[in-house]
């Protein structure tokens, strides 16, 4: 590992970010955003592919894979150019797809999640290649247009596509917004799993004045949900918080106040750590429900299929390179974390070790999403520092 000086003369991350934001790439529309990435990479000597994936009852999605070099190791920069809808555009300080700046901030949908990070990647990688065209290794970009949507025709299929063509990744850096407050706060080295399920309790509909002729399913549902929440699933592990179950909906669909409903339905979501798999967690939930139900409550448990399993990238030399580069730029040694929601890292982890580091996430998906321009350029410098360390290039 070598120490690097401040990144010299990198292309403007701000200019790339503005160009990307001005592409209205709301999932599943490409909107021109992949064109921006492809054009910049082609000019730098990357071989660029734009595979489109399809599946019945889902929109076609265009993706991008680009590679520079033929040697190992291969470091992959991953991300997505699709964004969530802007909502009421009239509520924005600046138009959401204008890429306007004010007071040291860049406004626009995707500024944080995650066109800003892709812009920083382009800045860092193009600057690195310009200064070190014959470095010992290869760099790739793995960019999807289907992260904010159903995630069916995006990274899952793009990874399979690349693997079938002989691409073998050594490490991956995903640019999701990871920092809670300041650039440098947090490096994600894994993610919790996510399991959603529905519980339906059967009752007998009837008049509230004649309860002996009915059976209220709400009573049974309260009993079952209390059993799910009564005891912790675990106390956490070395790198993960305790598994947590939350009830997200509870409904009987009953507009009348004098009718005992015939059915009650609840939906829950569990964010779970590496103690559990979806199968073992479902079995534990069903065990708790059966024990609470006894012979008095008739219920049905319907877990949804999930591809979000808990995973960990154990801290090693690669995570050390990333931490060192972050600290050199920001003065902050980032916390190693597995908190938050899911990301495409859950797919990438099956092909190589993956960590996540991007911008401050406070305004992602919000009206007036914005990023500090200093953070954009700072992130580019961090990515450049990672490249310098990873490929052992002397400053």
Protein backbone atom coordinates (compact mmCIF):
# COMPACT_ATOMS: atom_id res chain seq x y z
CA UNK A 1 0.00 0.00 0.00
CA UNK A 2 1.31 3.42 -0.92
CA UNK A 3 0.21 6.81 0.30
CA UNK A 4 -1.14 9.23 -2.28
CA UNK A 5 -0.96 12.98 -2.60
CA UNK A 6 -4.14 15.03 -3.15
CA UNK A 7 -5.73 13.92 -6.43
CA UNK A 8 -4.20 16.04 -9.23
CA UNK A 9 -6.25 17.69 -11.93
CA UNK A 10 -9.27 15.39 -11.93
CA UNK A 11 -12.07 16.04 -14.44
CA UNK A 12 -14.96 17.94 -12.89
CA UNK A 13 -17.29 15.68 -10.94
CA UNK A 14 -19.76 18.55 -10.88
CA UNK A 15 -19.92 18.70 -14.67
CA UNK A 16 -20.56 14.97 -14.91
CA UNK A 17 -23.21 15.17 -12.19
CA UNK A 18 -25.02 18.01 -13.93
CA UNK A 19 -25.01 16.12 -17.22
CA UNK A 20 -26.45 13.03 -15.53
CA UNK A 21 -29.10 14.91 -13.55
CA UNK A 22 -30.31 16.57 -16.75
CA UNK A 23 -31.27 13.13 -18.03
CA UNK A 24 -34.80 12.29 -16.76
CA UNK A 25 -33.98 8.63 -16.08
CA UNK A 26 -36.91 7.72 -13.84
CA UNK A 27 -37.06 3.92 -13.60
CA UNK A 28 -37.25 2.21 -16.10
CA UNK A 29 -36.45 5.04 -18.55
CA UNK A 30 -32.80 5.34 -19.57
CA UNK A 31 -33.31 9.03 -20.28
CA UNK A 32 -29.84 9.52 -21.79
CA UNK A 33 -27.95 8.93 -18.54
CA UNK A 34 -26.19 5.79 -19.76
CA UNK A 35 -25.22 7.71 -22.90
CA UNK A 36 -23.38 10.21 -20.71
CA UNK A 37 -21.48 7.42 -18.95
CA UNK A 38 -20.78 5.47 -22.15
CA UNK A 39 -19.49 8.49 -24.06
CA UNK A 40 -17.08 9.46 -21.30
CA UNK A 41 -15.75 5.91 -20.92
CA UNK A 42 -15.38 5.27 -24.65
CA UNK A 43 -13.28 8.40 -25.01
CA UNK A 44 -11.00 7.07 -22.25
CA UNK A 45 -10.49 3.74 -24.03
CA UNK A 46 -13.08 1.56 -22.29
CA UNK A 47 -14.86 -1.21 -24.15
CA UNK A 48 -18.54 -0.52 -23.52
CA UNK A 49 -21.55 -2.84 -23.76
CA UNK A 50 -25.22 -1.86 -23.33
CA UNK A 51 -27.21 -5.05 -22.74
CA UNK A 52 -31.00 -4.80 -22.48
CA UNK A 53 -32.77 -7.38 -20.33
CA UNK A 54 -36.41 -8.41 -20.43
CA UNK A 55 -38.83 -10.52 -18.48
CA UNK A 56 -42.54 -11.09 -18.81
CA UNK A 57 -44.74 -8.49 -17.13
CA UNK A 58 -41.75 -6.22 -16.38
CA UNK A 59 -40.35 -3.30 -18.39
CA UNK A 60 -37.24 -3.79 -20.51
CA UNK A 61 -34.19 -2.22 -18.87
CA UNK A 62 -30.96 -1.02 -20.47
CA UNK A 63 -27.73 -1.52 -18.52
CA UNK A 64 -24.04 -0.78 -19.03
CA UNK A 65 -20.85 -2.75 -18.58
CA UNK A 66 -17.49 -1.24 -19.48
CA UNK A 67 -13.91 -2.40 -18.98
CA UNK A 68 -10.46 -0.88 -19.33
CA UNK A 69 -7.52 -3.28 -19.36
CA UNK A 70 -7.10 -7.05 -19.53
CA UNK A 71 -4.94 -7.78 -16.50
CA UNK A 72 -5.82 -8.76 -12.95
CA UNK A 73 -6.82 -7.53 -10.47
CA UNK A 74 -10.13 -6.18 -11.73
CA UNK A 75 -11.74 -3.47 -9.60
CA UNK A 76 -15.39 -2.77 -10.37
CA UNK A 77 -17.25 0.48 -9.76
CA UNK A 78 -20.98 -0.22 -9.50
CA UNK A 79 -24.10 1.89 -9.32
CA UNK A 80 -27.36 2.92 -10.95
CA UNK A 81 -28.46 5.82 -13.11
CA UNK A 82 -32.19 5.36 -12.58
CA UNK A 83 -33.94 7.60 -10.06
CA UNK A 84 -37.25 7.75 -8.23
CA UNK A 85 -39.95 10.15 -9.53
CA UNK A 86 -39.54 13.78 -8.44
CA UNK A 87 -43.08 14.13 -7.12
CA UNK A 88 -44.57 17.62 -7.27
CA UNK A 89 -42.04 19.47 -9.42
CA UNK A 90 -43.57 22.78 -8.37
CA UNK A 91 -42.43 22.11 -4.80
CA UNK A 92 -38.76 22.05 -5.83
CA UNK A 93 -36.48 25.04 -5.29
CA UNK A 94 -35.01 24.32 -8.72
CA UNK A 95 -36.43 22.04 -11.43
CA UNK A 96 -35.52 18.45 -10.51
CA UNK A 97 -33.85 17.70 -13.84
CA UNK A 98 -32.10 21.05 -14.37
CA UNK A 99 -28.89 20.36 -12.44
CA UNK A 100 -28.73 23.90 -11.09
CA UNK A 101 -26.32 25.10 -8.42
CA UNK A 102 -26.84 27.60 -5.61
CA UNK A 103 -24.87 28.38 -2.48
CA UNK A 104 -22.33 25.63 -3.03
CA UNK A 105 -25.03 22.99 -3.56
CA UNK A 106 -26.10 21.02 -6.62
CA UNK A 107 -29.83 20.39 -6.81
CA UNK A 108 -31.60 17.63 -8.71
CA UNK A 109 -33.16 14.21 -8.57
CA UNK A 110 -30.32 11.73 -8.22
CA UNK A 111 -27.80 14.26 -6.91
CA UNK A 112 -27.27 11.98 -3.90
CA UNK A 113 -28.85 8.69 -4.98
CA UNK A 114 -26.77 8.11 -6.93
CA UNK A 115 -25.79 10.12 -9.99
CA UNK A 116 -23.44 12.18 -7.85
CA UNK A 117 -21.42 9.10 -6.95
CA UNK A 118 -21.28 7.93 -10.58
CA UNK A 119 -20.02 11.39 -11.51
CA UNK A 120 -17.31 11.08 -8.85
CA UNK A 121 -16.39 7.63 -10.18
CA UNK A 122 -16.03 8.99 -13.70
CA UNK A 123 -13.91 11.88 -12.47
CA UNK A 124 -11.62 9.65 -10.42
CA UNK A 125 -11.23 6.85 -12.95
CA UNK A 126 -10.67 9.08 -15.97
CA UNK A 127 -8.15 11.15 -14.04
CA UNK A 128 -6.37 8.02 -12.85
CA UNK A 129 -6.16 6.47 -16.32
CA UNK A 130 -4.95 9.72 -17.84
CA UNK A 131 -2.06 9.81 -15.36
CA UNK A 132 -1.42 6.05 -15.22
CA UNK A 133 -2.59 4.46 -18.50
CA UNK A 134 -0.43 1.36 -18.01
CA UNK A 135 -1.34 0.52 -14.41
CA UNK A 136 -1.12 -3.11 -13.42
CA UNK A 137 -4.76 -4.24 -13.51
CA UNK A 138 -8.19 -3.45 -14.93
CA UNK A 139 -11.15 -1.24 -14.05
CA UNK A 140 -14.80 -1.90 -14.88
CA UNK A 141 -18.10 -0.06 -14.53
CA UNK A 142 -21.26 -2.04 -13.75
CA UNK A 143 -24.20 0.36 -14.06
CA UNK A 144 -27.88 -0.58 -14.02
CA UNK A 145 -31.07 1.29 -14.81
CA UNK A 146 -33.25 -0.86 -12.53
CA UNK A 147 -32.19 -0.33 -8.92
CA UNK A 148 -35.04 1.91 -7.83
CA UNK A 149 -37.62 -0.34 -9.52
CA UNK A 150 -38.31 -4.08 -9.31
CA UNK A 151 -34.57 -4.92 -9.68
CA UNK A 152 -35.40 -7.79 -12.03
CA UNK A 153 -33.80 -6.69 -15.28
CA UNK A 154 -30.86 -4.88 -13.74
CA UNK A 155 -27.86 -5.92 -11.68
CA UNK A 156 -28.94 -9.55 -11.22
CA UNK A 157 -28.97 -10.20 -14.94
CA UNK A 158 -26.06 -7.87 -15.70
CA UNK A 159 -23.85 -9.80 -13.30
CA UNK A 160 -24.91 -13.12 -14.83
CA UNK A 161 -24.31 -11.70 -18.32
CA UNK A 162 -20.79 -10.54 -17.44
CA UNK A 163 -19.91 -13.80 -15.67
CA UNK A 164 -20.97 -15.88 -18.68
CA UNK A 165 -18.61 -13.79 -20.80
CA UNK A 166 -15.67 -14.66 -18.59
CA UNK A 167 -15.53 -11.50 -16.48
CA UNK A 168 -14.09 -12.26 -13.05
CA UNK A 169 -14.20 -9.49 -10.48
CA UNK A 170 -11.69 -9.19 -7.66
CA UNK A 171 -13.39 -6.41 -5.67
CA UNK A 172 -16.30 -4.02 -6.10
CA UNK A 173 -17.04 -0.54 -4.80
CA UNK A 174 -20.73 0.44 -4.86
CA UNK A 175 -21.52 4.13 -4.65
CA UNK A 176 -24.76 4.16 -2.66
CA UNK A 177 -25.13 7.11 -0.24
CA UNK A 178 -23.72 5.66 2.98
CA UNK A 179 -22.88 8.66 5.16
CA UNK A 180 -25.39 9.82 7.81
CA UNK A 181 -24.01 13.32 8.46
CA UNK A 182 -20.61 14.00 6.88
CA UNK A 183 -18.58 12.62 4.01
CA UNK A 184 -16.39 9.99 5.61
CA UNK A 185 -18.76 8.86 8.38
CA UNK A 186 -19.59 5.34 7.26
CA UNK A 187 -18.41 2.50 5.04
CA UNK A 188 -20.89 -0.32 4.47
CA UNK A 189 -19.32 -3.79 4.61
CA UNK A 190 -22.55 -5.76 4.47
CA UNK A 191 -26.30 -5.54 4.67
CA UNK A 192 -29.05 -7.05 6.72
CA UNK A 193 -31.51 -9.37 5.07
CA UNK A 194 -35.15 -8.42 4.51
CA UNK A 195 -38.16 -10.72 4.83
CA UNK A 196 -41.77 -9.62 4.31
CA UNK A 197 -44.78 -11.74 5.15
CA UNK A 198 -48.54 -11.58 5.59
CA UNK A 199 -50.64 -13.13 8.35
CA UNK A 200 -54.32 -13.76 7.76
CA UNK A 201 -56.58 -14.67 10.67
CA UNK A 202 -59.97 -16.21 9.88
CA UNK A 203 -63.01 -15.33 11.92
CA UNK A 204 -66.77 -15.52 11.61
CA UNK A 205 -68.59 -12.33 10.63
CA UNK A 206 -71.54 -11.31 12.72
CA UNK A 207 -73.50 -8.62 14.57
CA UNK A 208 -71.68 -6.95 17.46
CA UNK A 209 -74.84 -7.36 19.54
CA UNK A 210 -74.66 -11.14 19.16
CA UNK A 211 -70.97 -11.95 19.65
CA UNK A 212 -71.74 -15.58 20.53
CA UNK A 213 -72.76 -16.07 16.91
CA UNK A 214 -69.46 -14.68 15.55
CA UNK A 215 -65.71 -15.01 16.09
CA UNK A 216 -63.68 -11.81 16.02
CA UNK A 217 -60.42 -12.30 14.06
CA UNK A 218 -58.95 -9.13 15.55
CA UNK A 219 -58.67 -10.82 18.94
CA UNK A 220 -56.68 -13.63 17.36
CA UNK A 221 -54.52 -11.25 15.37
CA UNK A 222 -53.61 -9.25 18.48
CA UNK A 223 -52.60 -12.48 20.14
CA UNK A 224 -50.38 -13.55 17.25
CA UNK A 225 -48.70 -10.19 16.78
CA UNK A 226 -47.98 -9.94 20.50
CA UNK A 227 -46.24 -13.31 20.29
CA UNK A 228 -44.05 -12.12 17.41
CA UNK A 229 -42.99 -9.01 19.33
CA UNK A 230 -42.75 -10.53 22.81
CA UNK A 231 -39.15 -11.74 22.71
CA UNK A 232 -36.09 -10.63 20.71
CA UNK A 233 -35.06 -12.91 17.86
CA UNK A 234 -31.43 -12.43 18.90
CA UNK A 235 -29.07 -9.88 20.43
CA UNK A 236 -27.03 -9.18 17.32
CA UNK A 237 -23.58 -10.30 16.18
CA UNK A 238 -20.13 -8.79 15.91
CA UNK A 239 -21.01 -6.74 12.82
CA UNK A 240 -24.82 -6.73 12.86
CA UNK A 241 -27.55 -5.21 15.01
CA UNK A 242 -30.24 -7.41 16.52
CA UNK A 243 -32.86 -8.78 14.15
CA UNK A 244 -35.96 -6.56 14.19
CA UNK A 245 -39.57 -7.25 13.16
CA UNK A 246 -42.00 -4.42 12.46
CA UNK A 247 -45.73 -4.65 11.74
CA UNK A 248 -46.30 -2.48 8.69
CA UNK A 249 -50.05 -2.90 8.02
CA UNK A 250 -53.05 -4.11 9.98
CA UNK A 251 -56.41 -4.20 8.21
CA UNK A 252 -59.87 -5.76 8.44
CA UNK A 253 -61.48 -3.88 5.55
CA UNK A 254 -64.53 -3.15 7.66
CA UNK A 255 -66.45 0.11 7.06
CA UNK A 256 -69.20 -0.73 9.58
CA UNK A 257 -69.06 -0.12 13.32
CA UNK A 258 -71.69 -2.71 14.23
CA UNK A 259 -70.22 -5.68 12.35
CA UNK A 260 -67.62 -8.12 13.63
CA UNK A 261 -65.30 -8.67 10.63
CA UNK A 262 -64.74 -12.07 9.10
CA UNK A 263 -61.03 -11.70 8.48
CA UNK A 264 -58.03 -9.71 9.67
CA UNK A 265 -54.76 -9.28 7.80
CA UNK A 266 -51.39 -7.95 8.89
CA UNK A 267 -48.12 -7.49 7.02
CA UNK A 268 -44.70 -7.48 8.67
CA UNK A 269 -41.12 -6.89 7.61
CA UNK A 270 -38.05 -8.28 9.33
CA UNK A 271 -34.54 -6.92 8.91
CA UNK A 272 -32.34 -9.81 9.99
CA UNK A 273 -28.67 -10.44 10.63
CA UNK A 274 -26.33 -13.24 9.64
CA UNK A 275 -27.67 -15.61 12.30
CA UNK A 276 -30.67 -16.24 10.07
CA UNK A 277 -31.55 -17.28 6.55
CA UNK A 278 -35.00 -16.53 5.09
CA UNK A 279 -35.88 -20.19 5.61
CA UNK A 280 -34.81 -20.45 9.24
CA UNK A 281 -36.39 -17.10 10.08
CA UNK A 282 -39.70 -18.09 8.47
CA UNK A 283 -39.64 -21.32 10.46
CA UNK A 284 -39.11 -19.39 13.72
CA UNK A 285 -41.94 -16.97 12.92
CA UNK A 286 -44.27 -19.85 12.15
CA UNK A 287 -43.25 -21.60 15.38
CA UNK A 288 -44.15 -18.53 17.42
CA UNK A 289 -47.47 -18.16 15.64
CA UNK A 290 -48.41 -21.82 16.08
CA UNK A 291 -47.55 -21.70 19.77
CA UNK A 292 -49.62 -18.55 20.29
CA UNK A 293 -52.55 -19.74 18.18
CA UNK A 294 -53.02 -23.06 19.91
CA UNK A 295 -56.41 -24.50 18.94
CA UNK A 296 -58.24 -21.19 19.22
CA UNK A 297 -56.88 -19.10 16.33
CA UNK A 298 -57.05 -20.11 12.67
CA UNK A 299 -54.39 -18.30 10.66
CA UNK A 300 -52.32 -18.45 7.47
CA UNK A 301 -48.72 -17.29 7.09
CA UNK A 302 -47.63 -16.18 3.61
CA UNK A 303 -43.96 -15.16 3.44
CA UNK A 304 -42.94 -13.33 0.27
CA UNK A 305 -39.99 -14.65 -1.75
CA UNK A 306 -36.85 -12.63 -1.01
CA UNK A 307 -33.43 -12.22 -2.56
CA UNK A 308 -32.25 -10.00 0.28
CA UNK A 309 -30.17 -12.21 2.54
CA UNK A 310 -27.76 -10.94 5.17
CA UNK A 311 -24.14 -10.83 4.08
CA UNK A 312 -20.80 -9.52 5.33
CA UNK A 313 -17.60 -8.54 3.58
CA UNK A 314 -15.08 -9.28 6.35
CA UNK A 315 -12.66 -6.41 6.99
CA UNK A 316 -9.38 -7.05 5.15
CA UNK A 317 -6.72 -5.23 3.12
CA UNK A 318 -9.33 -3.97 0.64
CA UNK A 319 -11.50 -2.38 3.29
CA UNK A 320 -8.30 -0.95 4.73
CA UNK A 321 -7.43 0.68 1.38
CA UNK A 322 -10.86 2.27 1.29
CA UNK A 323 -10.75 3.46 4.89
CA UNK A 324 -7.27 4.91 4.40
CA UNK A 325 -8.34 6.84 1.30
CA UNK A 326 -11.40 8.22 3.09
CA UNK A 327 -9.40 9.28 6.11
CA UNK A 328 -6.69 10.89 3.97
CA UNK A 329 -9.29 13.10 2.27
CA UNK A 330 -11.70 13.84 5.13
CA UNK A 331 -9.72 13.30 8.32
CA UNK A 332 -12.42 10.86 9.42
CA UNK A 333 -11.87 7.13 9.89
CA UNK A 334 -15.19 5.72 8.67
CA UNK A 335 -17.28 3.42 10.83
CA UNK A 336 -17.70 -0.07 9.37
CA UNK A 337 -21.43 -0.70 9.23
CA UNK A 338 -24.13 -3.10 8.03
CA UNK A 339 -27.10 -0.84 8.84
CA UNK A 340 -29.74 0.57 6.54
CA UNK A 341 -31.87 -0.98 3.83
CA UNK A 342 -30.97 -3.26 0.98
CA UNK A 343 -28.92 -2.43 -2.11
CA UNK A 344 -27.54 -4.11 -5.22
CA UNK A 345 -24.60 -5.21 -3.07
CA UNK A 346 -26.80 -8.17 -2.15
CA UNK A 347 -26.36 -9.41 -5.72
CA UNK A 348 -22.73 -8.39 -6.21
CA UNK A 349 -21.56 -10.24 -3.08
CA UNK A 350 -22.07 -13.56 -4.90
CA UNK A 351 -19.34 -12.61 -7.40
CA UNK A 352 -16.73 -10.79 -5.33
CA UNK A 353 -16.18 -8.90 -2.07
CA UNK A 354 -18.12 -5.62 -2.13
CA UNK A 355 -18.16 -2.48 0.00
CA UNK A 356 -20.30 0.62 -0.30
CA UNK A 357 -19.28 4.23 0.01
CA UNK A 358 -20.95 7.30 -1.44
CA UNK A 359 -22.36 10.66 -0.47
CA UNK A 360 -24.31 11.96 2.54
CA UNK A 361 -27.81 10.49 2.28
CA UNK A 362 -29.95 13.03 4.14
CA UNK A 363 -31.84 14.32 1.07
CA UNK A 364 -32.10 11.16 -1.04
CA UNK A 365 -35.61 10.62 -2.49
CA UNK A 366 -36.74 13.98 -1.05
CA UNK A 367 -38.01 17.14 -2.69
CA UNK A 368 -34.98 19.42 -3.25
CA UNK A 369 -32.52 16.53 -3.22
CA UNK A 370 -29.08 18.13 -3.25
CA UNK A 371 -25.41 17.55 -2.60
CA UNK A 372 -22.60 19.82 -1.52
CA UNK A 373 -20.32 20.45 -4.49
CA UNK A 374 -17.35 20.12 -2.15
CA UNK A 375 -18.56 16.62 -1.26
CA UNK A 376 -18.84 15.69 -4.93
CA UNK A 377 -15.27 16.67 -5.64
CA UNK A 378 -14.16 15.19 -2.31
CA UNK A 379 -15.73 11.86 -3.19
CA UNK A 380 -13.90 11.89 -6.52
CA UNK A 381 -10.64 12.46 -4.65
CA UNK A 382 -11.46 9.55 -2.31
CA UNK A 383 -12.18 7.22 -5.22
CA UNK A 384 -8.92 8.35 -6.83
CA UNK A 385 -7.08 7.58 -3.59
CA UNK A 386 -8.62 4.09 -3.55
CA UNK A 387 -7.38 3.49 -7.09
CA UNK A 388 -3.89 4.65 -6.18
CA UNK A 389 -3.75 2.30 -3.21
CA UNK A 390 -5.47 -0.64 -4.86
CA UNK A 391 -3.13 -0.71 -7.82
CA UNK A 392 -0.09 0.28 -5.70
CA UNK A 393 0.68 3.32 -7.83
CA UNK A 394 3.19 5.81 -6.46
CA UNK A 395 2.05 9.44 -6.39
